[in-house]
Structures are given as structure tokens and as C-alpha cells.
PDB file of N, CA and C in Angstrom:
ATOM      1  N   MET A   1     -33.549 -43.029 -48.221  1.00  0.00           N
ATOM      2  CA  MET A   1     -32.941 -41.740 -48.001  1.00  0.00           C
ATOM      3  C   MET A   1     -31.649 -41.657 -48.819  1.00  0.00           C
ATOM      4  N   PHE A   2     -31.456 -40.548 -49.474  1.00  0.00           N
ATOM      5  CA  PHE A   2     -30.281 -40.336 -50.307  1.00  0.00           C
ATOM      6  C   PHE A   2     -29.402 -39.248 -49.693  1.00  0.00           C
ATOM      7  N   ASP A   3     -28.162 -39.195 -50.122  1.00  0.00           N
ATOM      8  CA  ASP A   3     -27.240 -38.185 -49.597  1.00  0.00           C
ATOM      9  C   ASP A   3     -27.785 -36.778 -49.773  1.00  0.00           C
ATOM     10  N   ASP A   4     -28.444 -36.548 -50.901  1.00  0.00           N
ATOM     11  CA  ASP A   4     -28.931 -35.199 -51.194  1.00  0.00           C
ATOM     12  C   ASP A   4     -30.072 -34.779 -50.268  1.00  0.00           C
ATOM     13  N   ASP A   5     -30.636 -35.727 -49.531  1.00  0.00           N
ATOM     14  CA  ASP A   5     -31.697 -35.410 -48.577  1.00  0.00           C
ATOM     15  C   ASP A   5     -31.151 -34.735 -47.316  1.00  0.00           C
ATOM     16  N   TYR A   6     -29.874 -34.870 -47.084  1.00  0.00           N
ATOM     17  CA  TYR A   6     -29.271 -34.265 -45.898  1.00  0.00           C
ATOM     18  C   TYR A   6     -28.899 -32.812 -46.197  1.00  0.00           C
ATOM     19  N   PRO A   7     -29.176 -31.911 -45.276  1.00  0.00           N
ATOM     20  CA  PRO A   7     -28.937 -30.491 -45.539  1.00  0.00           C
ATOM     21  C   PRO A   7     -27.460 -30.122 -45.722  1.00  0.00           C
ATOM     22  N   TYR A   8     -26.568 -30.932 -45.194  1.00  0.00           N
ATOM     23  CA  TYR A   8     -25.145 -30.616 -45.288  1.00  0.00           C
ATOM     24  C   TYR A   8     -24.501 -31.129 -46.568  1.00  0.00           C
ATOM     25  N   ASN A   9     -25.189 -31.980 -47.318  1.00  0.00           N
ATOM     26  CA  ASN A   9     -24.565 -32.613 -48.477  1.00  0.00           C
ATOM     27  C   ASN A   9     -24.094 -31.607 -49.524  1.00  0.00           C
ATOM     28  N   ARG A  10     -25.001 -30.785 -50.008  1.00  0.00           N
ATOM     29  CA  ARG A  10     -24.638 -29.849 -51.077  1.00  0.00           C
ATOM     30  C   ARG A  10     -23.570 -28.837 -50.645  1.00  0.00           C
ATOM     31  N   PRO A  11     -23.755 -28.159 -49.509  1.00  0.00           N
ATOM     32  CA  PRO A  11     -22.731 -27.171 -49.142  1.00  0.00           C
ATOM     33  C   PRO A  11     -21.367 -27.792 -48.836  1.00  0.00           C
ATOM     34  N   VAL A  12     -21.366 -28.939 -48.211  1.00  0.00           N
ATOM     35  CA  VAL A  12     -20.091 -29.550 -47.832  1.00  0.00           C
ATOM     36  C   VAL A  12     -19.466 -30.297 -49.005  1.00  0.00           C
ATOM     37  N   PHE A  13     -20.237 -31.153 -49.649  1.00  0.00           N
ATOM     38  CA  PHE A  13     -19.657 -32.018 -50.669  1.00  0.00           C
ATOM     39  C   PHE A  13     -19.506 -31.319 -52.013  1.00  0.00           C
ATOM     40  N   HIS A  14     -20.578 -30.752 -52.517  1.00  0.00           N
ATOM     41  CA  HIS A  14     -20.533 -30.172 -53.862  1.00  0.00           C
ATOM     42  C   HIS A  14     -19.933 -28.766 -53.873  1.00  0.00           C
ATOM     43  N   GLU A  15     -20.465 -27.887 -53.070  1.00  0.00           N
ATOM     44  CA  GLU A  15     -19.965 -26.513 -53.050  1.00  0.00           C
ATOM     45  C   GLU A  15     -18.592 -26.421 -52.387  1.00  0.00           C
ATOM     46  N   GLY A  16     -18.308 -27.358 -51.514  1.00  0.00           N
ATOM     47  CA  GLY A  16     -17.007 -27.383 -50.844  1.00  0.00           C
ATOM     48  C   GLY A  16     -15.892 -27.965 -51.690  1.00  0.00           C
ATOM     49  N   GLY A  17     -16.226 -28.509 -52.849  1.00  0.00           N
ATOM     50  CA  GLY A  17     -15.213 -29.008 -53.771  1.00  0.00           C
ATOM     51  C   GLY A  17     -14.721 -30.411 -53.496  1.00  0.00           C
ATOM     52  N   LEU A  18     -15.433 -31.165 -52.681  1.00  0.00           N
ATOM     53  CA  LEU A  18     -14.990 -32.519 -52.351  1.00  0.00           C
ATOM     54  C   LEU A  18     -15.013 -33.453 -53.561  1.00  0.00           C
ATOM     55  N   LEU A  19     -15.949 -33.247 -54.463  1.00  0.00           N
ATOM     56  CA  LEU A  19     -16.022 -34.088 -55.662  1.00  0.00           C
ATOM     57  C   LEU A  19     -14.752 -33.941 -56.490  1.00  0.00           C
ATOM     58  N   LYS A  20     -14.286 -32.729 -56.664  1.00  0.00           N
ATOM     59  CA  LYS A  20     -13.058 -32.488 -57.426  1.00  0.00           C
ATOM     60  C   LYS A  20     -11.864 -33.157 -56.749  1.00  0.00           C
ATOM     61  N   VAL A  21     -11.812 -33.074 -55.439  1.00  0.00           N
ATOM     62  CA  VAL A  21     -10.717 -33.704 -54.689  1.00  0.00           C
ATOM     63  C   VAL A  21     -10.727 -35.213 -54.913  1.00  0.00           C
ATOM     64  N   LEU A  22     -11.909 -35.823 -54.841  1.00  0.00           N
ATOM     65  CA  LEU A  22     -12.005 -37.270 -55.053  1.00  0.00           C
ATOM     66  C   LEU A  22     -11.618 -37.653 -56.475  1.00  0.00           C
ATOM     67  N   GLU A  23     -11.992 -36.843 -57.443  1.00  0.00           N
ATOM     68  CA  GLU A  23     -11.611 -37.123 -58.830  1.00  0.00           C
ATOM     69  C   GLU A  23     -10.096 -37.065 -59.000  1.00  0.00           C
ATOM     70  N   GLU A  24      -9.459 -36.118 -58.361  1.00  0.00           N
ATOM     71  CA  GLU A  24      -7.999 -36.027 -58.413  1.00  0.00           C
ATOM     72  C   GLU A  24      -7.360 -37.219 -57.709  1.00  0.00           C
ATOM     73  N   CYS A  25      -7.927 -37.613 -56.582  1.00  0.00           N
ATOM     74  CA  CYS A  25      -7.419 -38.781 -55.854  1.00  0.00           C
ATOM     75  C   CYS A  25      -7.578 -40.048 -56.684  1.00  0.00           C
ATOM     76  N   TYR A  26      -8.677 -40.126 -57.416  1.00  0.00           N
ATOM     77  CA  TYR A  26      -8.924 -41.303 -58.255  1.00  0.00           C
ATOM     78  C   TYR A  26      -7.794 -41.468 -59.271  1.00  0.00           C
ATOM     79  N   ASP A  27      -7.435 -40.394 -59.942  1.00  0.00           N
ATOM     80  CA  ASP A  27      -6.363 -40.471 -60.939  1.00  0.00           C
ATOM     81  C   ASP A  27      -5.046 -40.905 -60.307  1.00  0.00           C
ATOM     82  N   GLU A  28      -4.731 -40.360 -59.151  1.00  0.00           N
ATOM     83  CA  GLU A  28      -3.503 -40.728 -58.447  1.00  0.00           C
ATOM     84  C   GLU A  28      -3.557 -42.185 -57.983  1.00  0.00           C
ATOM     85  N   TYR A  29      -4.689 -42.582 -57.435  1.00  0.00           N
ATOM     86  CA  TYR A  29      -4.833 -43.950 -56.928  1.00  0.00           C
ATOM     87  C   TYR A  29      -4.782 -44.966 -58.070  1.00  0.00           C
ATOM     88  N   ARG A  30      -5.356 -44.588 -59.203  1.00  0.00           N
ATOM     89  CA  ARG A  30      -5.333 -45.482 -60.370  1.00  0.00           C
ATOM     90  C   ARG A  30      -3.886 -45.739 -60.800  1.00  0.00           C
ATOM     91  N   HIS A  31      -3.073 -44.721 -60.763  1.00  0.00           N
ATOM     92  CA  HIS A  31      -1.655 -44.864 -61.099  1.00  0.00           C
ATOM     93  C   HIS A  31      -0.967 -45.819 -60.115  1.00  0.00           C
ATOM     94  N   ILE A  32      -1.257 -45.660 -58.844  1.00  0.00           N
ATOM     95  CA  ILE A  32      -0.686 -46.539 -57.819  1.00  0.00           C
ATOM     96  C   ILE A  32      -1.160 -47.973 -58.033  1.00  0.00           C
ATOM     97  N   TYR A  33      -2.457 -48.132 -58.288  1.00  0.00           N
ATOM     98  CA  TYR A  33      -3.026 -49.463 -58.520  1.00  0.00           C
ATOM     99  C   TYR A  33      -2.310 -50.169 -59.668  1.00  0.00           C
ATOM    100  N   LYS A  34      -2.085 -49.464 -60.750  1.00  0.00           N
ATOM    101  CA  LYS A  34      -1.440 -50.068 -61.921  1.00  0.00           C
ATOM    102  C   LYS A  34       0.003 -50.471 -61.640  1.00  0.00           C
ATOM    103  N   SER A  35       0.617 -49.853 -60.648  1.00  0.00           N
ATOM    104  CA  SER A  35       2.012 -50.172 -60.340  1.00  0.00           C
ATOM    105  C   SER A  35       2.158 -51.403 -59.437  1.00  0.00           C
ATOM    106  N   ILE A  36       1.064 -51.907 -58.910  1.00  0.00           N
ATOM    107  CA  ILE A  36       1.121 -53.068 -58.014  1.00  0.00           C
ATOM    108  C   ILE A  36       1.234 -54.344 -58.844  1.00  0.00           C
ATOM    109  N   ASP A  37       2.233 -55.128 -58.547  1.00  0.00           N
ATOM    110  CA  ASP A  37       2.461 -56.383 -59.257  1.00  0.00           C
ATOM    111  C   ASP A  37       1.668 -57.494 -58.571  1.00  0.00           C
ATOM    112  N   LYS A  38       0.699 -58.052 -59.279  1.00  0.00           N
ATOM    113  CA  LYS A  38      -0.142 -59.087 -58.664  1.00  0.00           C
ATOM    114  C   LYS A  38       0.628 -60.375 -58.406  1.00  0.00           C
ATOM    115  N   LYS A  39       1.745 -60.550 -59.080  1.00  0.00           N
ATOM    116  CA  LYS A  39       2.562 -61.740 -58.833  1.00  0.00           C
ATOM    117  C   LYS A  39       3.303 -61.624 -57.503  1.00  0.00           C
ATOM    118  N   VAL A  40       3.545 -60.402 -57.083  1.00  0.00           N
ATOM    119  CA  VAL A  40       4.253 -60.165 -55.822  1.00  0.00           C
ATOM    120  C   VAL A  40       3.276 -60.105 -54.657  1.00  0.00           C
ATOM    121  N   ASN A  41       2.153 -59.427 -54.865  1.00  0.00           N
ATOM    122  CA  ASN A  41       1.187 -59.272 -53.778  1.00  0.00           C
ATOM    123  C   ASN A  41      -0.232 -59.283 -54.345  1.00  0.00           C
ATOM    124  N   LEU A  42      -0.756 -60.468 -54.541  1.00  0.00           N
ATOM    125  CA  LEU A  42      -2.076 -60.634 -55.143  1.00  0.00           C
ATOM    126  C   LEU A  42      -3.176 -60.018 -54.283  1.00  0.00           C
ATOM    127  N   GLU A  43      -3.106 -60.212 -52.974  1.00  0.00           N
ATOM    128  CA  GLU A  43      -4.146 -59.675 -52.096  1.00  0.00           C
ATOM    129  C   GLU A  43      -4.196 -58.146 -52.161  1.00  0.00           C
ATOM    130  N   LEU A  44      -3.044 -57.515 -52.157  1.00  0.00           N
ATOM    131  CA  LEU A  44      -2.998 -56.056 -52.259  1.00  0.00           C
ATOM    132  C   LEU A  44      -3.589 -55.595 -53.588  1.00  0.00           C
ATOM    133  N   LYS A  45      -3.275 -56.291 -54.656  1.00  0.00           N
ATOM    134  CA  LYS A  45      -3.808 -55.937 -55.976  1.00  0.00           C
ATOM    135  C   LYS A  45      -5.332 -56.061 -55.985  1.00  0.00           C
ATOM    136  N   GLU A  46      -5.857 -57.136 -55.422  1.00  0.00           N
ATOM    137  CA  GLU A  46      -7.310 -57.354 -55.402  1.00  0.00           C
ATOM    138  C   GLU A  46      -8.018 -56.309 -54.537  1.00  0.00           C
ATOM    139  N   ARG A  47      -7.470 -56.034 -53.378  1.00  0.00           N
ATOM    140  CA  ARG A  47      -8.081 -55.024 -52.492  1.00  0.00           C
ATOM    141  C   ARG A  47      -8.022 -53.634 -53.124  1.00  0.00           C
ATOM    142  N   SER A  48      -6.923 -53.354 -53.772  1.00  0.00           N
ATOM    143  CA  SER A  48      -6.777 -52.060 -54.438  1.00  0.00           C
ATOM    144  C   SER A  48      -7.766 -51.926 -55.587  1.00  0.00           C
ATOM    145  N   GLU A  49      -8.001 -53.009 -56.286  1.00  0.00           N
ATOM    146  CA  GLU A  49      -8.978 -52.989 -57.373  1.00  0.00           C
ATOM    147  C   GLU A  49     -10.384 -52.728 -56.827  1.00  0.00           C
ATOM    148  N   ASP A  50     -10.723 -53.376 -55.725  1.00  0.00           N
ATOM    149  CA  ASP A  50     -12.028 -53.140 -55.090  1.00  0.00           C
ATOM    150  C   ASP A  50     -12.173 -51.673 -54.672  1.00  0.00           C
ATOM    151  N   THR A  51     -11.123 -51.136 -54.093  1.00  0.00           N
ATOM    152  CA  THR A  51     -11.144 -49.741 -53.657  1.00  0.00           C
ATOM    153  C   THR A  51     -11.306 -48.799 -54.843  1.00  0.00           C
ATOM    154  N   LEU A  52     -10.588 -49.069 -55.907  1.00  0.00           N
ATOM    155  CA  LEU A  52     -10.674 -48.245 -57.110  1.00  0.00           C
ATOM    156  C   LEU A  52     -12.079 -48.299 -57.707  1.00  0.00           C
ATOM    157  N   THR A  53     -12.656 -49.478 -57.749  1.00  0.00           N
ATOM    158  CA  THR A  53     -14.017 -49.643 -58.269  1.00  0.00           C
ATOM    159  C   THR A  53     -15.018 -48.883 -57.410  1.00  0.00           C
ATOM    160  N   ASN A  54     -14.905 -49.018 -56.097  1.00  0.00           N
ATOM    161  CA  ASN A  54     -15.821 -48.311 -55.188  1.00  0.00           C
ATOM    162  C   ASN A  54     -15.700 -46.800 -55.326  1.00  0.00           C
ATOM    163  N   LEU A  55     -14.487 -46.312 -55.418  1.00  0.00           N
ATOM    164  CA  LEU A  55     -14.273 -44.874 -55.566  1.00  0.00           C
ATOM    165  C   LEU A  55     -14.864 -44.379 -56.883  1.00  0.00           C
ATOM    166  N   ASP A  56     -14.650 -45.121 -57.945  1.00  0.00           N
ATOM    167  CA  ASP A  56     -15.199 -44.757 -59.254  1.00  0.00           C
ATOM    168  C   ASP A  56     -16.724 -44.699 -59.212  1.00  0.00           C
ATOM    169  N   ARG A  57     -17.328 -45.701 -58.629  1.00  0.00           N
ATOM    170  CA  ARG A  57     -18.794 -45.732 -58.547  1.00  0.00           C
ATOM    171  C   ARG A  57     -19.335 -44.614 -57.655  1.00  0.00           C
ATOM    172  N   PHE A  58     -18.637 -44.311 -56.579  1.00  0.00           N
ATOM    173  CA  PHE A  58     -19.076 -43.240 -55.685  1.00  0.00           C
ATOM    174  C   PHE A  58     -19.017 -41.888 -56.395  1.00  0.00           C
ATOM    175  N   ILE A  59     -17.951 -41.651 -57.134  1.00  0.00           N
ATOM    176  CA  ILE A  59     -17.823 -40.400 -57.885  1.00  0.00           C
ATOM    177  C   ILE A  59     -18.953 -40.279 -58.900  1.00  0.00           C
ATOM    178  N   LYS A  60     -19.237 -41.359 -59.608  1.00  0.00           N
ATOM    179  CA  LYS A  60     -20.335 -41.336 -60.590  1.00  0.00           C
ATOM    180  C   LYS A  60     -21.673 -41.071 -59.906  1.00  0.00           C
ATOM    181  N   TYR A  61     -21.884 -41.680 -58.760  1.00  0.00           N
ATOM    182  CA  TYR A  61     -23.123 -41.479 -58.005  1.00  0.00           C
ATOM    183  C   TYR A  61     -23.266 -40.023 -57.579  1.00  0.00           C
ATOM    184  N   LYS A  62     -22.191 -39.452 -57.048  1.00  0.00           N
ATOM    185  CA  LYS A  62     -22.254 -38.069 -56.576  1.00  0.00           C
ATOM    186  C   LYS A  62     -22.462 -37.096 -57.738  1.00  0.00           C
ATOM    187  N   LYS A  63     -21.960 -37.434 -58.912  1.00  0.00           N
ATOM    188  CA  LYS A  63     -22.181 -36.575 -60.084  1.00  0.00           C
ATOM    189  C   LYS A  63     -23.653 -36.557 -60.481  1.00  0.00           C
ATOM    190  N   THR A  64     -24.361 -37.658 -60.250  1.00  0.00           N
ATOM    191  CA  THR A  64     -25.785 -37.693 -60.609  1.00  0.00           C
ATOM    192  C   THR A  64     -26.596 -36.741 -59.739  1.00  0.00           C
ATOM    193  N   GLU A  65     -26.108 -36.420 -58.561  1.00  0.00           N
ATOM    194  CA  GLU A  65     -26.807 -35.474 -57.690  1.00  0.00           C
ATOM    195  C   GLU A  65     -26.807 -34.062 -58.275  1.00  0.00           C
ATOM    196  N   LEU A  66     -25.843 -33.788 -59.111  1.00  0.00           N
ATOM    197  CA  LEU A  66     -25.728 -32.452 -59.690  1.00  0.00           C
ATOM    198  C   LEU A  66     -26.664 -32.246 -60.879  1.00  0.00           C
ATOM    199  N   GLN A  67     -27.210 -33.317 -61.379  1.00  0.00           N
ATOM    200  CA  GLN A  67     -28.071 -33.225 -62.571  1.00  0.00           C
ATOM    201  C   GLN A  67     -29.492 -32.898 -62.219  1.00  0.00           C
TER     202      GLN A  67
END
């Protein structure tokens, strides 16, 4: 089962503009991620990198639903 199989996906996520919001958040979060010094807080840097990667992949996945 995929997200697009649910009746609420398109109206809420795509037509509701959630993809655009996530893309804007990605740019902001990427800036925050780059400002984290791994020498000061390695765990925070690693967790932030995982979060950034997951967000990037999710955005790419949701864009494929529009094709």
C-alpha cells in the first residue's frame, strides 16, 4: 500500500501545499545542520544528518506521486 492509495493523501498533502512547506523546511534545516560543529556535539551532528537525509528522501518520494 502506498500513500497515494489513501483518499486523503492528494487533497491534504499535495493540494494542501504540504510538499512546498517541507521543501522550505528542508532548506532551513540544512542551514541549521551545517552550523552544527561535530567536534562540539558529534551525536547531534549525526542525528541531524539522519534527519536531513530522511526528509530529503521523503520529499523525493512524494514528488514521484505527482508524476
